Amino acid sequence: MAIKLNKEVEQRLLGSIQRYCAENMDEEVGELKARLLLDYCLREIGPSVYNQAILDAQAAMQDKIAEIETICYESEFSYWTKK
């Protein structure tokens, strides 16, 4: 599954890549090089990050589902024990 970014996010990321390269690598990077690097990251690194995020979300949901038993449990056949 390809990761699609909206235009605003893409532009902000391109600017961030350009700034990072300028400040940390002492290299001015134009928009084309920044776009190539962003495309590479989205294709090569993005799926791993996405898959880990899905695993994290699943684990969080499973924790919440496990809590349902203790939060939403109601004793059965308790009519006669309450009298």
C-alpha atoms as a PDB file:
ATOM      1  CA  MET A   1       0.000   0.000   0.000  1.00  0.00           C
ATOM      2  CA  ALA A   2       1.484   3.310  -1.065  1.00  0.00           C
ATOM      3  CA  ILE A   3       1.582   6.083   1.506  1.00  0.00           C
ATOM      4  CA  LYS A   4      -0.128   9.195   0.169  1.00  0.00           C
ATOM      5  CA  LEU A   5       0.419  12.572   1.766  1.00  0.00           C
ATOM      6  CA  ASN A   6      -1.693  15.638   1.243  1.00  0.00           C
ATOM      7  CA  LYS A   7       0.020  18.547  -0.498  1.00  0.00           C
ATOM      8  CA  GLU A   8       0.431  20.670   2.633  1.00  0.00           C
ATOM      9  CA  VAL A   9       2.117  17.868   4.585  1.00  0.00           C
ATOM     10  CA  GLU A  10       4.321  17.032   1.613  1.00  0.00           C
ATOM     11  CA  GLN A  11       5.459  20.651   1.267  1.00  0.00           C
ATOM     12  CA  ARG A  12       6.242  20.891   4.974  1.00  0.00           C
ATOM     13  CA  LEU A  13       8.245  17.662   4.824  1.00  0.00           C
ATOM     14  CA  LEU A  14      10.187  18.863   1.798  1.00  0.00           C
ATOM     15  CA  GLY A  15      11.055  22.066   3.639  1.00  0.00           C
ATOM     16  CA  SER A  16      12.090  20.062   6.687  1.00  0.00           C
ATOM     17  CA  ILE A  17      14.357  17.813   4.614  1.00  0.00           C
ATOM     18  CA  GLN A  18      15.969  20.831   2.980  1.00  0.00           C
ATOM     19  CA  ARG A  19      16.552  22.485   6.338  1.00  0.00           C
ATOM     20  CA  TYR A  20      17.924  19.287   7.879  1.00  0.00           C
ATOM     21  CA  CYS A  21      20.418  18.841   5.053  1.00  0.00           C
ATOM     22  CA  ALA A  22      21.505  22.472   5.267  1.00  0.00           C
ATOM     23  CA  GLU A  23      21.950  22.468   9.051  1.00  0.00           C
ATOM     24  CA  ASN A  24      23.310  18.966   9.631  1.00  0.00           C
ATOM     25  CA  MET A  25      25.085  18.044   6.416  1.00  0.00           C
ATOM     26  CA  ASP A  26      26.279  21.454   5.304  1.00  0.00           C
ATOM     27  CA  GLU A  27      24.637  20.848   1.942  1.00  0.00           C
ATOM     28  CA  GLU A  28      21.979  22.895   0.250  1.00  0.00           C
ATOM     29  CA  VAL A  29      19.393  20.556  -1.230  1.00  0.00           C
ATOM     30  CA  GLY A  30      16.897  21.691  -3.814  1.00  0.00           C
ATOM     31  CA  GLU A  31      13.283  20.623  -4.005  1.00  0.00           C
ATOM     32  CA  LEU A  32      13.998  17.855  -6.523  1.00  0.00           C
ATOM     33  CA  LYS A  33      16.593  16.153  -4.308  1.00  0.00           C
ATOM     34  CA  ALA A  34      14.390  16.625  -1.260  1.00  0.00           C
ATOM     35  CA  ARG A  35      11.456  15.076  -3.137  1.00  0.00           C
ATOM     36  CA  LEU A  36      13.572  12.107  -4.216  1.00  0.00           C
ATOM     37  CA  LEU A  37      14.662  11.541  -0.619  1.00  0.00           C
ATOM     38  CA  LEU A  38      11.085  11.866   0.636  1.00  0.00           C
ATOM     39  CA  ASP A  39       9.841   9.410  -1.996  1.00  0.00           C
ATOM     40  CA  TYR A  40      12.572   6.965  -0.994  1.00  0.00           C
ATOM     41  CA  CYS A  41      11.682   7.252   2.689  1.00  0.00           C
ATOM     42  CA  LEU A  42       7.982   6.777   2.011  1.00  0.00           C
ATOM     43  CA  ARG A  43       8.597   3.692  -0.126  1.00  0.00           C
ATOM     44  CA  GLU A  44      11.410   2.074   1.841  1.00  0.00           C
ATOM     45  CA  ILE A  45      10.950   3.170   5.453  1.00  0.00           C
ATOM     46  CA  GLY A  46       7.273   4.123   5.498  1.00  0.00           C
ATOM     47  CA  PRO A  47       5.835   0.594   5.380  1.00  0.00           C
ATOM     48  CA  SER A  48       7.920  -0.509   8.378  1.00  0.00           C
ATOM     49  CA  VAL A  49       6.776   2.488  10.410  1.00  0.00           C
ATOM     50  CA  TYR A  50       3.174   1.964   9.287  1.00  0.00           C
ATOM     51  CA  ASN A  51       3.230  -1.738  10.165  1.00  0.00           C
ATOM     52  CA  GLN A  52       4.666  -1.018  13.613  1.00  0.00           C
ATOM     53  CA  ALA A  53       1.984   1.609  14.195  1.00  0.00           C
ATOM     54  CA  ILE A  54      -0.683  -0.963  13.309  1.00  0.00           C
ATOM     55  CA  LEU A  55       0.857  -3.472  15.740  1.00  0.00           C
ATOM     56  CA  ASP A  56       0.947  -0.815  18.466  1.00  0.00           C
ATOM     57  CA  ALA A  57      -2.693   0.094  17.809  1.00  0.00           C
ATOM     58  CA  GLN A  58      -3.714  -3.573  17.907  1.00  0.00           C
ATOM     59  CA  ALA A  59      -1.925  -4.077  21.227  1.00  0.00           C
ATOM     60  CA  ALA A  60      -3.601  -0.994  22.694  1.00  0.00           C
ATOM     61  CA  MET A  61      -7.015  -2.200  21.522  1.00  0.00           C
ATOM     62  CA  GLN A  62      -6.410  -5.690  22.921  1.00  0.00           C
ATOM     63  CA  ASP A  63      -5.518  -4.146  26.292  1.00  0.00           C
ATOM     64  CA  LYS A  64      -8.760  -2.165  26.267  1.00  0.00           C
ATOM     65  CA  ILE A  65     -10.774  -5.229  25.260  1.00  0.00           C
ATOM     66  CA  ALA A  66      -9.218  -7.194  28.118  1.00  0.00           C
ATOM     67  CA  GLU A  67     -10.412  -4.478  30.526  1.00  0.00           C
ATOM     68  CA  ILE A  68     -14.020  -4.829  29.370  1.00  0.00           C
ATOM     69  CA  GLU A  69     -14.522  -7.984  31.426  1.00  0.00           C
ATOM     70  CA  THR A  70     -13.658  -6.230  34.665  1.00  0.00           C
ATOM     71  CA  ILE A  71     -15.410  -2.964  33.858  1.00  0.00           C
ATOM     72  CA  CYS A  72     -18.600  -4.276  32.291  1.00  0.00           C
ATOM     73  CA  TYR A  73     -19.105  -7.567  34.129  1.00  0.00           C
ATOM     74  CA  GLU A  74     -22.452  -8.178  35.807  1.00  0.00           C
ATOM     75  CA  SER A  75     -23.058 -11.163  38.054  1.00  0.00           C
ATOM     76  CA  GLU A  76     -25.619 -13.595  36.740  1.00  0.00           C
ATOM     77  CA  PHE A  77     -28.476 -15.188  38.622  1.00  0.00           C
ATOM     78  CA  SER A  78     -28.166 -12.815  41.542  1.00  0.00           C
ATOM     79  CA  TYR A  79     -31.860 -12.130  42.105  1.00  0.00           C
ATOM     80  CA  TRP A  80     -32.201 -14.508  45.041  1.00  0.00           C
ATOM     81  CA  THR A  81     -28.916 -13.565  46.655  1.00  0.00           C
ATOM     82  CA  LYS A  82     -29.937  -9.902  46.908  1.00  0.00           C
ATOM     83  CA  LYS A  83     -33.108 -10.627  48.944  1.00  0.00           C
END
